[in-house]
PDB file of all heavy atoms in Angstrom:
ATOM      1  N   TYR A   1     -49.192 -21.188   0.799  1.00  0.00           N
ATOM      2  CA  TYR A   1     -50.620 -21.479   0.951  1.00  0.00           C
ATOM      3  C   TYR A   1     -50.985 -21.453   2.432  1.00  0.00           C
ATOM      4  O   TYR A   1     -51.970 -20.833   2.825  1.00  0.00           O
ATOM      5  CB  TYR A   1     -50.942 -22.845   0.336  1.00  0.00           C
ATOM      6  CG  TYR A   1     -52.403 -23.221   0.398  1.00  0.00           C
ATOM      7  CD1 TYR A   1     -53.289 -22.798  -0.582  1.00  0.00           C
ATOM      8  CD2 TYR A   1     -52.895 -24.011   1.437  1.00  0.00           C
ATOM      9  CE1 TYR A   1     -54.633 -23.125  -0.532  1.00  0.00           C
ATOM     10  CE2 TYR A   1     -54.232 -24.355   1.502  1.00  0.00           C
ATOM     11  CZ  TYR A   1     -55.109 -23.912   0.512  1.00  0.00           C
ATOM     12  OH  TYR A   1     -56.435 -24.237   0.565  1.00  0.00           O
ATOM     13  N   HIS A   2     -50.202 -22.160   3.250  1.00  0.00           N
ATOM     14  CA  HIS A   2     -50.329 -22.074   4.705  1.00  0.00           C
ATOM     15  C   HIS A   2     -49.183 -21.186   5.198  1.00  0.00           C
ATOM     16  O   HIS A   2     -48.016 -21.510   4.970  1.00  0.00           O
ATOM     17  CB  HIS A   2     -50.203 -23.453   5.366  1.00  0.00           C
ATOM     18  CG  HIS A   2     -51.258 -24.430   4.980  1.00  0.00           C
ATOM     19  ND1 HIS A   2     -52.599 -24.229   5.224  1.00  0.00           N
ATOM     20  CD2 HIS A   2     -51.181 -25.622   4.359  1.00  0.00           C
ATOM     21  CE1 HIS A   2     -53.295 -25.260   4.782  1.00  0.00           C
ATOM     22  NE2 HIS A   2     -52.453 -26.123   4.242  1.00  0.00           N
ATOM     23  N   ASP A   3     -49.507 -20.101   5.831  1.00  0.00           N
ATOM     24  CA  ASP A   3     -48.469 -19.175   6.302  1.00  0.00           C
ATOM     25  C   ASP A   3     -47.751 -19.784   7.505  1.00  0.00           C
ATOM     26  O   ASP A   3     -48.178 -19.626   8.649  1.00  0.00           O
ATOM     27  CB  ASP A   3     -49.084 -17.825   6.664  1.00  0.00           C
ATOM     28  CG  ASP A   3     -48.014 -16.765   6.939  1.00  0.00           C
ATOM     29  OD1 ASP A   3     -46.822 -17.137   6.999  1.00  0.00           O
ATOM     30  OD2 ASP A   3     -48.361 -15.585   7.084  1.00  0.00           O
ATOM     31  N   PHE A   4     -46.665 -20.485   7.234  1.00  0.00           N
ATOM     32  CA  PHE A   4     -45.947 -21.192   8.301  1.00  0.00           C
ATOM     33  C   PHE A   4     -45.187 -20.245   9.223  1.00  0.00           C
ATOM     34  O   PHE A   4     -44.692 -20.654  10.276  1.00  0.00           O
ATOM     35  CB  PHE A   4     -44.997 -22.248   7.713  1.00  0.00           C
ATOM     36  CG  PHE A   4     -44.021 -21.717   6.698  1.00  0.00           C
ATOM     37  CD1 PHE A   4     -42.815 -21.166   7.072  1.00  0.00           C
ATOM     38  CD2 PHE A   4     -44.329 -21.774   5.339  1.00  0.00           C
ATOM     39  CE1 PHE A   4     -41.914 -20.691   6.141  1.00  0.00           C
ATOM     40  CE2 PHE A   4     -43.433 -21.303   4.388  1.00  0.00           C
ATOM     41  CZ  PHE A   4     -42.224 -20.752   4.792  1.00  0.00           C
ATOM     42  N   ASN A   5     -45.100 -18.953   8.849  1.00  0.00           N
ATOM     43  CA  ASN A   5     -44.473 -17.973   9.745  1.00  0.00           C
ATOM     44  C   ASN A   5     -45.400 -17.649  10.909  1.00  0.00           C
ATOM     45  O   ASN A   5     -44.954 -17.195  11.963  1.00  0.00           O
ATOM     46  CB  ASN A   5     -44.123 -16.703   8.971  1.00  0.00           C
ATOM     47  CG  ASN A   5     -43.034 -16.942   7.930  1.00  0.00           C
ATOM     48  OD1 ASN A   5     -42.009 -17.531   8.248  1.00  0.00           O
ATOM     49  ND2 ASN A   5     -43.274 -16.512   6.711  1.00  0.00           N
ATOM     50  N   LYS A   6     -46.715 -17.870  10.711  1.00  0.00           N
ATOM     51  CA  LYS A   6     -47.683 -17.610  11.771  1.00  0.00           C
ATOM     52  C   LYS A   6     -47.980 -18.870  12.583  1.00  0.00           C
ATOM     53  O   LYS A   6     -48.050 -18.829  13.800  1.00  0.00           O
ATOM     54  CB  LYS A   6     -48.982 -17.067  11.162  1.00  0.00           C
ATOM     55  CG  LYS A   6     -48.838 -15.677  10.560  1.00  0.00           C
ATOM     56  CD  LYS A   6     -50.175 -15.185  10.025  1.00  0.00           C
ATOM     57  CE  LYS A   6     -50.045 -13.781   9.438  1.00  0.00           C
ATOM     58  NZ  LYS A   6     -51.337 -13.295   8.889  1.00  0.00           N
ATOM     59  N   ALA A   7     -48.183 -19.985  11.874  1.00  0.00           N
ATOM     60  CA  ALA A   7     -48.490 -21.238  12.569  1.00  0.00           C
ATOM     61  C   ALA A   7     -48.226 -22.420  11.654  1.00  0.00           C
ATOM     62  O   ALA A   7     -48.387 -22.330  10.439  1.00  0.00           O
ATOM     63  CB  ALA A   7     -49.947 -21.249  13.035  1.00  0.00           C
ATOM     64  N   SER A   8     -47.829 -23.537  12.251  1.00  0.00           N
ATOM     65  CA  SER A   8     -47.588 -24.761  11.484  1.00  0.00           C
ATOM     66  C   SER A   8     -48.911 -25.445  11.172  1.00  0.00           C
ATOM     67  O   SER A   8     -49.848 -25.408  11.975  1.00  0.00           O
ATOM     68  CB  SER A   8     -46.696 -25.706  12.285  1.00  0.00           C
ATOM     69  OG  SER A   8     -46.658 -26.990  11.697  1.00  0.00           O
ATOM     70  N   HIS A   9     -48.979 -26.087   9.986  1.00  0.00           N
ATOM     71  CA  HIS A   9     -50.197 -26.832   9.665  1.00  0.00           C
ATOM     72  C   HIS A   9     -50.241 -28.183  10.393  1.00  0.00           C
ATOM     73  O   HIS A   9     -51.253 -28.871  10.371  1.00  0.00           O
ATOM     74  CB  HIS A   9     -50.358 -27.029   8.165  1.00  0.00           C
ATOM     75  CG  HIS A   9     -49.170 -27.642   7.475  1.00  0.00           C
ATOM     76  ND1 HIS A   9     -48.653 -28.870   7.817  1.00  0.00           N
ATOM     77  CD2 HIS A   9     -48.406 -27.196   6.435  1.00  0.00           C
ATOM     78  CE1 HIS A   9     -47.616 -29.146   7.033  1.00  0.00           C
ATOM     79  NE2 HIS A   9     -47.444 -28.162   6.184  1.00  0.00           N
ATOM     80  N   GLY A  10     -49.132 -28.561  11.019  1.00  0.00           N
ATOM     81  CA  GLY A  10     -49.125 -29.733  11.891  1.00  0.00           C
ATOM     82  C   GLY A  10     -48.964 -31.074  11.215  1.00  0.00           C
ATOM     83  O   GLY A  10     -49.087 -32.108  11.860  1.00  0.00           O
ATOM     84  N   CYS A  11     -48.674 -31.085   9.915  1.00  0.00           N
ATOM     85  CA  CYS A  11     -48.525 -32.351   9.191  1.00  0.00           C
ATOM     86  C   CYS A  11     -47.046 -32.620   8.921  1.00  0.00           C
ATOM     87  O   CYS A  11     -46.378 -31.818   8.264  1.00  0.00           O
ATOM     88  CB  CYS A  11     -49.303 -32.316   7.877  1.00  0.00           C
ATOM     89  SG  CYS A  11     -49.072 -33.798   6.862  1.00  0.00           S
ATOM     90  N   SER A  12     -46.564 -33.755   9.407  1.00  0.00           N
ATOM     91  CA  SER A  12     -45.140 -34.087   9.241  1.00  0.00           C
ATOM     92  C   SER A  12     -44.821 -34.636   7.852  1.00  0.00           C
ATOM     93  O   SER A  12     -43.649 -34.747   7.476  1.00  0.00           O
ATOM     94  CB  SER A  12     -44.727 -35.112  10.302  1.00  0.00           C
ATOM     95  OG  SER A  12     -45.495 -36.307  10.159  1.00  0.00           O
ATOM     96  N   LEU A  13     -45.850 -35.001   7.073  1.00  0.00           N
ATOM     97  CA  LEU A  13     -45.628 -35.573   5.744  1.00  0.00           C
ATOM     98  C   LEU A  13     -45.419 -34.507   4.666  1.00  0.00           C
ATOM     99  O   LEU A  13     -44.851 -34.804   3.619  1.00  0.00           O
ATOM    100  CB  LEU A  13     -46.823 -36.452   5.344  1.00  0.00           C
ATOM    101  CG  LEU A  13     -47.072 -37.714   6.169  1.00  0.00           C
ATOM    102  CD1 LEU A  13     -48.363 -38.383   5.711  1.00  0.00           C
ATOM    103  CD2 LEU A  13     -45.896 -38.676   6.059  1.00  0.00           C
ATOM    104  N   CYS A  14     -45.898 -33.291   4.928  1.00  0.00           N
ATOM    105  CA  CYS A  14     -45.950 -32.263   3.880  1.00  0.00           C
ATOM    106  C   CYS A  14     -44.952 -31.139   4.127  1.00  0.00           C
ATOM    107  O   CYS A  14     -44.518 -30.914   5.257  1.00  0.00           O
ATOM    108  CB  CYS A  14     -47.369 -31.684   3.809  1.00  0.00           C
ATOM    109  SG  CYS A  14     -48.621 -32.881   3.274  1.00  0.00           S
ATOM    110  N   PRO A  15     -44.598 -30.389   3.065  1.00  0.00           N
ATOM    111  CA  PRO A  15     -43.732 -29.226   3.234  1.00  0.00           C
ATOM    112  C   PRO A  15     -44.443 -28.157   4.070  1.00  0.00           C
ATOM    113  O   PRO A  15     -45.681 -28.154   4.151  1.00  0.00           O
ATOM    114  CB  PRO A  15     -43.493 -28.744   1.792  1.00  0.00           C
ATOM    115  CG  PRO A  15     -44.648 -29.288   1.010  1.00  0.00           C
ATOM    116  CD  PRO A  15     -44.989 -30.586   1.660  1.00  0.00           C
ATOM    117  N   PRO A  16     -43.679 -27.244   4.699  1.00  0.00           N
ATOM    118  CA  PRO A  16     -44.295 -26.280   5.638  1.00  0.00           C
ATOM    119  C   PRO A  16     -45.325 -25.347   5.010  1.00  0.00           C
ATOM    120  O   PRO A  16     -46.230 -24.883   5.694  1.00  0.00           O
ATOM    121  CB  PRO A  16     -43.088 -25.492   6.168  1.00  0.00           C
ATOM    122  CG  PRO A  16     -41.994 -25.697   5.158  1.00  0.00           C
ATOM    123  CD  PRO A  16     -42.213 -27.077   4.617  1.00  0.00           C
ATOM    124  N   ASN A  17     -45.209 -25.093   3.708  1.00  0.00           N
ATOM    125  CA  ASN A  17     -46.097 -24.119   3.066  1.00  0.00           C
ATOM    126  C   ASN A  17     -47.433 -24.687   2.608  1.00  0.00           C
ATOM    127  O   ASN A  17     -48.368 -23.932   2.348  1.00  0.00           O
ATOM    128  CB  ASN A  17     -45.412 -23.496   1.851  1.00  0.00           C
ATOM    129  CG  ASN A  17     -45.103 -24.523   0.766  1.00  0.00           C
ATOM    130  OD1 ASN A  17     -44.235 -25.378   0.961  1.00  0.00           O
ATOM    131  ND2 ASN A  17     -45.810 -24.475  -0.342  1.00  0.00           N
ATOM    132  N   MET A  18     -47.555 -26.033   2.515  1.00  0.00           N
ATOM    133  CA  MET A  18     -48.816 -26.578   2.019  1.00  0.00           C
ATOM    134  C   MET A  18     -49.000 -28.041   2.406  1.00  0.00           C
ATOM    135  O   MET A  18     -48.175 -28.889   2.074  1.00  0.00           O
ATOM    136  CB  MET A  18     -48.902 -26.454   0.496  1.00  0.00           C
ATOM    137  CG  MET A  18     -50.266 -26.836  -0.067  1.00  0.00           C
ATOM    138  SD  MET A  18     -50.372 -26.598  -1.866  1.00  0.00           S
ATOM    139  CE  MET A  18     -52.160 -26.610  -2.066  1.00  0.00           C
ATOM    140  N   CYS A  19     -50.116 -28.307   3.084  1.00  0.00           N
ATOM    141  CA  CYS A  19     -50.527 -29.681   3.344  1.00  0.00           C
ATOM    142  C   CYS A  19     -51.721 -29.970   2.444  1.00  0.00           C
ATOM    143  O   CYS A  19     -52.825 -29.465   2.668  1.00  0.00           O
ATOM    144  CB  CYS A  19     -50.909 -29.875   4.807  1.00  0.00           C
ATOM    145  SG  CYS A  19     -51.656 -31.497   5.138  1.00  0.00           S
ATOM    146  N   LYS A  20     -51.500 -30.788   1.423  1.00  0.00           N
ATOM    147  CA  LYS A  20     -52.577 -31.108   0.491  1.00  0.00           C
ATOM    148  C   LYS A  20     -53.660 -31.958   1.155  1.00  0.00           C
ATOM    149  O   LYS A  20     -54.814 -31.938   0.736  1.00  0.00           O
ATOM    150  CB  LYS A  20     -52.019 -31.836  -0.738  1.00  0.00           C
ATOM    151  CG  LYS A  20     -51.156 -30.971  -1.640  1.00  0.00           C
ATOM    152  CD  LYS A  20     -50.742 -31.746  -2.885  1.00  0.00           C
ATOM    153  CE  LYS A  20     -49.918 -30.901  -3.832  1.00  0.00           C
ATOM    154  NZ  LYS A  20     -49.585 -31.638  -5.069  1.00  0.00           N
ATOM    155  N   GLY A  21     -53.277 -32.699   2.188  1.00  0.00           N
ATOM    156  CA  GLY A  21     -54.253 -33.504   2.901  1.00  0.00           C
ATOM    157  C   GLY A  21     -55.332 -32.643   3.543  1.00  0.00           C
ATOM    158  O   GLY A  21     -56.515 -32.987   3.517  1.00  0.00           O
ATOM    159  N   LEU A  22     -54.926 -31.506   4.116  1.00  0.00           N
ATOM    160  CA  LEU A  22     -55.893 -30.588   4.711  1.00  0.00           C
ATOM    161  C   LEU A  22     -56.815 -30.004   3.642  1.00  0.00           C
ATOM    162  O   LEU A  22     -58.005 -29.776   3.897  1.00  0.00           O
ATOM    163  CB  LEU A  22     -55.171 -29.456   5.449  1.00  0.00           C
ATOM    164  CG  LEU A  22     -54.436 -29.850   6.735  1.00  0.00           C
ATOM    165  CD1 LEU A  22     -53.714 -28.645   7.318  1.00  0.00           C
ATOM    166  CD2 LEU A  22     -55.408 -30.431   7.760  1.00  0.00           C
ATOM    167  N   VAL A  23     -56.273 -29.760   2.458  1.00  0.00           N
ATOM    168  CA  VAL A  23     -57.085 -29.239   1.359  1.00  0.00           C
ATOM    169  C   VAL A  23     -58.136 -30.269   0.951  1.00  0.00           C
ATOM    170  O   VAL A  23     -59.313 -29.941   0.741  1.00  0.00           O
ATOM    171  CB  VAL A  23     -56.219 -28.853   0.148  1.00  0.00           C
ATOM    172  CG1 VAL A  23     -57.080 -28.311  -0.988  1.00  0.00           C
ATOM    173  CG2 VAL A  23     -55.158 -27.822   0.537  1.00  0.00           C
ATOM    174  N   ILE A  24     -57.716 -31.529   0.851  1.00  0.00           N
ATOM    175  CA  ILE A  24     -58.645 -32.599   0.483  1.00  0.00           C
ATOM    176  C   ILE A  24     -59.744 -32.747   1.536  1.00  0.00           C
ATOM    177  O   ILE A  24     -60.922 -32.932   1.203  1.00  0.00           O
ATOM    178  CB  ILE A  24     -57.895 -33.935   0.290  1.00  0.00           C
ATOM    179  CG1 ILE A  24     -57.091 -33.897  -1.024  1.00  0.00           C
ATOM    180  CG2 ILE A  24     -58.853 -35.117   0.279  1.00  0.00           C
ATOM    181  CD1 ILE A  24     -57.951 -33.758  -2.276  1.00  0.00           C
ATOM    182  N   GLU A  25     -59.376 -32.640   2.799  1.00  0.00           N
ATOM    183  CA  GLU A  25     -60.380 -32.728   3.858  1.00  0.00           C
ATOM    184  C   GLU A  25     -61.395 -31.600   3.728  1.00  0.00           C
ATOM    185  O   GLU A  25     -62.601 -31.801   3.921  1.00  0.00           O
ATOM    186  CB  GLU A  25     -59.710 -32.691   5.239  1.00  0.00           C
ATOM    187  CG  GLU A  25     -59.036 -33.990   5.618  1.00  0.00           C
ATOM    188  CD  GLU A  25     -58.610 -34.009   7.067  1.00  0.00           C
ATOM    189  OE1 GLU A  25     -58.627 -32.930   7.720  1.00  0.00           O
ATOM    190  OE2 GLU A  25     -58.251 -35.091   7.565  1.00  0.00           O
ATOM    191  N   ARG A  26     -60.927 -30.395   3.398  1.00  0.00           N
ATOM    192  CA  ARG A  26     -61.850 -29.265   3.218  1.00  0.00           C
ATOM    193  C   ARG A  26     -62.772 -29.518   2.040  1.00  0.00           C
ATOM    194  O   ARG A  26     -63.979 -29.244   2.099  1.00  0.00           O
ATOM    195  CB  ARG A  26     -61.071 -27.964   2.998  1.00  0.00           C
ATOM    196  CG  ARG A  26     -61.991 -26.755   2.843  1.00  0.00           C
ATOM    197  CD  ARG A  26     -61.234 -25.531   2.378  1.00  0.00           C
ATOM    198  NE  ARG A  26     -60.569 -25.746   1.098  1.00  0.00           N
ATOM    199  CZ  ARG A  26     -61.202 -25.783  -0.069  1.00  0.00           C
ATOM    200  NH1 ARG A  26     -62.518 -25.679  -0.129  1.00  0.00           N
ATOM    201  NH2 ARG A  26     -60.524 -25.964  -1.180  1.00  0.00           N
ATOM    202  N   ILE A  27     -62.214 -30.058   0.935  1.00  0.00           N
ATOM    203  CA  ILE A  27     -63.039 -30.362  -0.233  1.00  0.00           C
ATOM    204  C   ILE A  27     -64.091 -31.408   0.123  1.00  0.00           C
ATOM    205  O   ILE A  27     -65.263 -31.278  -0.233  1.00  0.00           O
ATOM    206  CB  ILE A  27     -62.153 -30.848  -1.405  1.00  0.00           C
ATOM    207  CG1 ILE A  27     -61.309 -29.689  -1.940  1.00  0.00           C
ATOM    208  CG2 ILE A  27     -63.011 -31.441  -2.528  1.00  0.00           C
ATOM    209  CD1 ILE A  27     -60.301 -30.085  -3.006  1.00  0.00           C
ATOM    210  N   GLU A  28     -63.679 -32.439   0.852  1.00  0.00           N
ATOM    211  CA  GLU A  28     -64.619 -33.490   1.269  1.00  0.00           C
ATOM    212  C   GLU A  28     -65.737 -32.914   2.136  1.00  0.00           C
ATOM    213  O   GLU A  28     -66.909 -33.265   1.992  1.00  0.00           O
ATOM    214  CB  GLU A  28     -63.870 -34.597   2.014  1.00  0.00           C
ATOM    215  CG  GLU A  28     -62.993 -35.454   1.123  1.00  0.00           C
ATOM    216  CD  GLU A  28     -62.173 -36.474   1.902  1.00  0.00           C
ATOM    217  OE1 GLU A  28     -61.886 -36.215   3.097  1.00  0.00           O
ATOM    218  OE2 GLU A  28     -61.815 -37.500   1.330  1.00  0.00           O
ATOM    219  N   ASP A  29     -65.365 -32.005   3.046  1.00  0.00           N
ATOM    220  CA  ASP A  29     -66.361 -31.403   3.937  1.00  0.00           C
ATOM    221  C   ASP A  29     -67.327 -30.506   3.172  1.00  0.00           C
ATOM    222  O   ASP A  29     -68.465 -30.300   3.612  1.00  0.00           O
ATOM    223  CB  ASP A  29     -65.675 -30.599   5.043  1.00  0.00           C
ATOM    224  CG  ASP A  29     -64.931 -31.483   6.029  1.00  0.00           C
ATOM    225  OD1 ASP A  29     -65.226 -32.697   6.075  1.00  0.00           O
ATOM    226  OD2 ASP A  29     -64.048 -30.974   6.736  1.00  0.00           O
ATOM    227  N   SER A  30     -66.863 -29.953   2.046  1.00  0.00           N
ATOM    228  CA  SER A  30     -67.710 -29.040   1.278  1.00  0.00           C
ATOM    229  C   SER A  30     -68.682 -29.775   0.358  1.00  0.00           C
ATOM    230  O   SER A  30     -69.577 -29.156  -0.217  1.00  0.00           O
ATOM    231  CB  SER A  30     -66.837 -28.100   0.424  1.00  0.00           C
ATOM    232  OG  SER A  30     -66.215 -28.822  -0.644  1.00  0.00           O
ATOM    233  N   ILE A  31     -68.477 -31.081   0.219  1.00  0.00           N
ATOM    234  CA  ILE A  31     -69.342 -31.881  -0.653  1.00  0.00           C
ATOM    235  C   ILE A  31     -70.505 -32.405   0.173  1.00  0.00           C
ATOM    236  O   ILE A  31     -70.324 -33.197   1.090  1.00  0.00           O
ATOM    237  CB  ILE A  31     -68.559 -33.059  -1.274  1.00  0.00           C
ATOM    238  CG1 ILE A  31     -67.433 -32.538  -2.160  1.00  0.00           C
ATOM    239  CG2 ILE A  31     -69.483 -33.948  -2.088  1.00  0.00           C
ATOM    240  CD1 ILE A  31     -66.459 -33.611  -2.599  1.00  0.00           C
ATOM    241  N   SER A  32     -71.706 -31.984  -0.167  1.00  0.00           N
ATOM    242  CA  SER A  32     -72.873 -32.346   0.636  1.00  0.00           C
ATOM    243  C   SER A  32     -73.484 -33.687   0.234  1.00  0.00           C
ATOM    244  O   SER A  32     -73.997 -34.432   1.063  1.00  0.00           O
ATOM    245  CB  SER A  32     -73.939 -31.256   0.535  1.00  0.00           C
ATOM    246  OG  SER A  32     -74.312 -31.041  -0.821  1.00  0.00           O
ATOM    247  N   GLU A  33     -73.399 -34.012  -1.066  1.00  0.00           N
ATOM    248  CA  GLU A  33     -74.036 -35.239  -1.532  1.00  0.00           C
ATOM    249  C   GLU A  33     -73.311 -36.479  -1.000  1.00  0.00           C
ATOM    250  O   GLU A  33     -72.095 -36.570  -1.048  1.00  0.00           O
ATOM    251  CB  GLU A  33     -74.074 -35.305  -3.067  1.00  0.00           C
ATOM    252  CG  GLU A  33     -74.941 -34.239  -3.712  1.00  0.00           C
ATOM    253  CD  GLU A  33     -74.156 -32.975  -4.008  1.00  0.00           C
ATOM    254  OE1 GLU A  33     -73.104 -32.778  -3.362  1.00  0.00           O
ATOM    255  OE2 GLU A  33     -74.588 -32.199  -4.863  1.00  0.00           O
ATOM    256  N   GLU A  34     -74.073 -37.438  -0.510  1.00  0.00           N
ATOM    257  CA  GLU A  34     -73.480 -38.648   0.051  1.00  0.00           C
ATOM    258  C   GLU A  34     -72.819 -39.521  -1.012  1.00  0.00           C
ATOM    259  O   GLU A  34     -71.898 -40.271  -0.721  1.00  0.00           O
ATOM    260  CB  GLU A  34     -74.552 -39.463   0.781  1.00  0.00           C
ATOM    261  CG  GLU A  34     -75.081 -38.790   2.041  1.00  0.00           C
ATOM    262  CD  GLU A  34     -76.084 -39.657   2.769  1.00  0.00           C
ATOM    263  OE1 GLU A  34     -76.325 -40.787   2.295  1.00  0.00           O
ATOM    264  OE2 GLU A  34     -76.614 -39.212   3.799  1.00  0.00           O
ATOM    265  N   ASP A  35     -73.300 -39.430  -2.262  1.00  0.00           N
ATOM    266  CA  ASP A  35     -72.773 -40.317  -3.299  1.00  0.00           C
ATOM    267  C   ASP A  35     -71.617 -39.688  -4.079  1.00  0.00           C
ATOM    268  O   ASP A  35     -71.216 -40.193  -5.113  1.00  0.00           O
ATOM    269  CB  ASP A  35     -73.884 -40.721  -4.276  1.00  0.00           C
ATOM    270  CG  ASP A  35     -74.477 -39.521  -5.017  1.00  0.00           C
ATOM    271  OD1 ASP A  35     -74.280 -38.388  -4.547  1.00  0.00           O
ATOM    272  OD2 ASP A  35     -75.130 -39.727  -6.054  1.00  0.00           O
ATOM    273  N   LYS A  36     -71.083 -38.579  -3.600  1.00  0.00           N
ATOM    274  CA  LYS A  36     -69.952 -37.962  -4.280  1.00  0.00           C
ATOM    275  C   LYS A  36     -68.734 -38.871  -4.193  1.00  0.00           C
ATOM    276  O   LYS A  36     -68.449 -39.466  -3.151  1.00  0.00           O
ATOM    277  CB  LYS A  36     -69.616 -36.604  -3.659  1.00  0.00           C
ATOM    278  CG  LYS A  36     -70.516 -35.454  -4.129  1.00  0.00           C
ATOM    279  CD  LYS A  36     -70.112 -34.965  -5.503  1.00  0.00           C
ATOM    280  CE  LYS A  36     -70.897 -33.727  -5.889  1.00  0.00           C
ATOM    281  NZ  LYS A  36     -70.546 -33.232  -7.218  1.00  0.00           N
ATOM    282  N   ARG A  37     -68.005 -38.962  -5.284  1.00  0.00           N
ATOM    283  CA  ARG A  37     -66.784 -39.787  -5.334  1.00  0.00           C
ATOM    284  C   ARG A  37     -65.614 -38.904  -5.751  1.00  0.00           C
ATOM    285  O   ARG A  37     -65.741 -38.080  -6.664  1.00  0.00           O
ATOM    286  CB  ARG A  37     -66.959 -40.917  -6.350  1.00  0.00           C
ATOM    287  CG  ARG A  37     -68.257 -41.713  -6.211  1.00  0.00           C
ATOM    288  CD  ARG A  37     -68.211 -42.742  -5.121  1.00  0.00           C
ATOM    289  NE  ARG A  37     -67.371 -43.869  -5.460  1.00  0.00           N
ATOM    290  CZ  ARG A  37     -67.794 -44.940  -6.163  1.00  0.00           C
ATOM    291  NH1 ARG A  37     -69.041 -44.988  -6.621  1.00  0.00           N
ATOM    292  NH2 ARG A  37     -66.989 -45.947  -6.402  1.00  0.00           N
ATOM    293  N   LEU A  38     -64.467 -39.085  -5.125  1.00  0.00           N
ATOM    294  CA  LEU A  38     -63.268 -38.327  -5.482  1.00  0.00           C
ATOM    295  C   LEU A  38     -62.319 -39.195  -6.293  1.00  0.00           C
ATOM    296  O   LEU A  38     -62.115 -40.372  -5.982  1.00  0.00           O
ATOM    297  CB  LEU A  38     -62.545 -37.834  -4.225  1.00  0.00           C
ATOM    298  CG  LEU A  38     -62.812 -36.388  -3.782  1.00  0.00           C
ATOM    299  CD1 LEU A  38     -64.255 -36.249  -3.339  1.00  0.00           C
ATOM    300  CD2 LEU A  38     -61.856 -35.984  -2.667  1.00  0.00           C
ATOM    301  N   ILE A  39     -61.747 -38.598  -7.324  1.00  0.00           N
ATOM    302  CA  ILE A  39     -60.634 -39.210  -8.058  1.00  0.00           C
ATOM    303  C   ILE A  39     -59.467 -38.248  -7.924  1.00  0.00           C
ATOM    304  O   ILE A  39     -59.573 -37.087  -8.319  1.00  0.00           O
ATOM    305  CB  ILE A  39     -60.973 -39.428  -9.545  1.00  0.00           C
ATOM    306  CG1 ILE A  39     -62.213 -40.310  -9.708  1.00  0.00           C
ATOM    307  CG2 ILE A  39     -59.775 -40.061 -10.271  1.00  0.00           C
ATOM    308  CD1 ILE A  39     -62.663 -40.462 -11.169  1.00  0.00           C
ATOM    309  N   TYR A  40     -58.356 -38.712  -7.354  1.00  0.00           N
ATOM    310  CA  TYR A  40     -57.196 -37.850  -7.128  1.00  0.00           C
ATOM    311  C   TYR A  40     -56.034 -38.305  -7.992  1.00  0.00           C
ATOM    312  O   TYR A  40     -55.651 -39.472  -7.968  1.00  0.00           O
ATOM    313  CB  TYR A  40     -56.795 -37.880  -5.650  1.00  0.00           C
ATOM    314  CG  TYR A  40     -55.719 -36.875  -5.294  1.00  0.00           C
ATOM    315  CD1 TYR A  40     -56.051 -35.673  -4.696  1.00  0.00           C
ATOM    316  CD2 TYR A  40     -54.377 -37.126  -5.581  1.00  0.00           C
ATOM    317  CE1 TYR A  40     -55.074 -34.742  -4.373  1.00  0.00           C
ATOM    318  CE2 TYR A  40     -53.390 -36.207  -5.269  1.00  0.00           C
ATOM    319  CZ  TYR A  40     -53.744 -35.007  -4.664  1.00  0.00           C
ATOM    320  OH  TYR A  40     -52.773 -34.090  -4.366  1.00  0.00           O
ATOM    321  N   LEU A  41     -55.456 -37.383  -8.759  1.00  0.00           N
ATOM    322  CA  LEU A  41     -54.315 -37.688  -9.621  1.00  0.00           C
ATOM    323  C   LEU A  41     -53.103 -36.903  -9.154  1.00  0.00           C
ATOM    324  O   LEU A  41     -53.176 -35.673  -8.968  1.00  0.00           O
ATOM    325  CB  LEU A  41     -54.598 -37.305 -11.077  1.00  0.00           C
ATOM    326  CG  LEU A  41     -55.756 -37.973 -11.800  1.00  0.00           C
ATOM    327  CD1 LEU A  41     -57.051 -37.186 -11.604  1.00  0.00           C
ATOM    328  CD2 LEU A  41     -55.451 -38.080 -13.300  1.00  0.00           C
ATOM    329  N   GLY A  42     -51.972 -37.595  -8.960  1.00  0.00           N
ATOM    330  CA  GLY A  42     -50.763 -36.901  -8.546  1.00  0.00           C
ATOM    331  C   GLY A  42     -49.516 -37.728  -8.788  1.00  0.00           C
ATOM    332  O   GLY A  42     -49.587 -38.891  -9.185  1.00  0.00           O
ATOM    333  N   ASP A  43     -48.364 -37.107  -8.544  1.00  0.00           N
ATOM    334  CA  ASP A  43     -47.096 -37.790  -8.803  1.00  0.00           C
ATOM    335  C   ASP A  43     -46.102 -37.675  -7.661  1.00  0.00           C
ATOM    336  O   ASP A  43     -45.288 -38.564  -7.439  1.00  0.00           O
ATOM    337  CB  ASP A  43     -46.441 -37.204 -10.060  1.00  0.00           C
ATOM    338  CG  ASP A  43     -45.883 -35.810  -9.792  1.00  0.00           C
ATOM    339  OD1 ASP A  43     -46.681 -34.854  -9.766  1.00  0.00           O
ATOM    340  OD2 ASP A  43     -44.668 -35.671  -9.576  1.00  0.00           O
TER     341      ASP A  43
END
C-alpha cells in the first residue's frame, strides 16, 4: 500500500507496507461534516 522501496511512511508502530493510522487520518480529513463519528473495528 505504501511503497517502502521509495520512501518510509515514518510510523514505527506499523509494518513497512501499510500504516493504517495514516489511512484513518486521510479518512478523517475527507469528512467535512463536523458531527461525523468514526467506529473502528479491528483485531
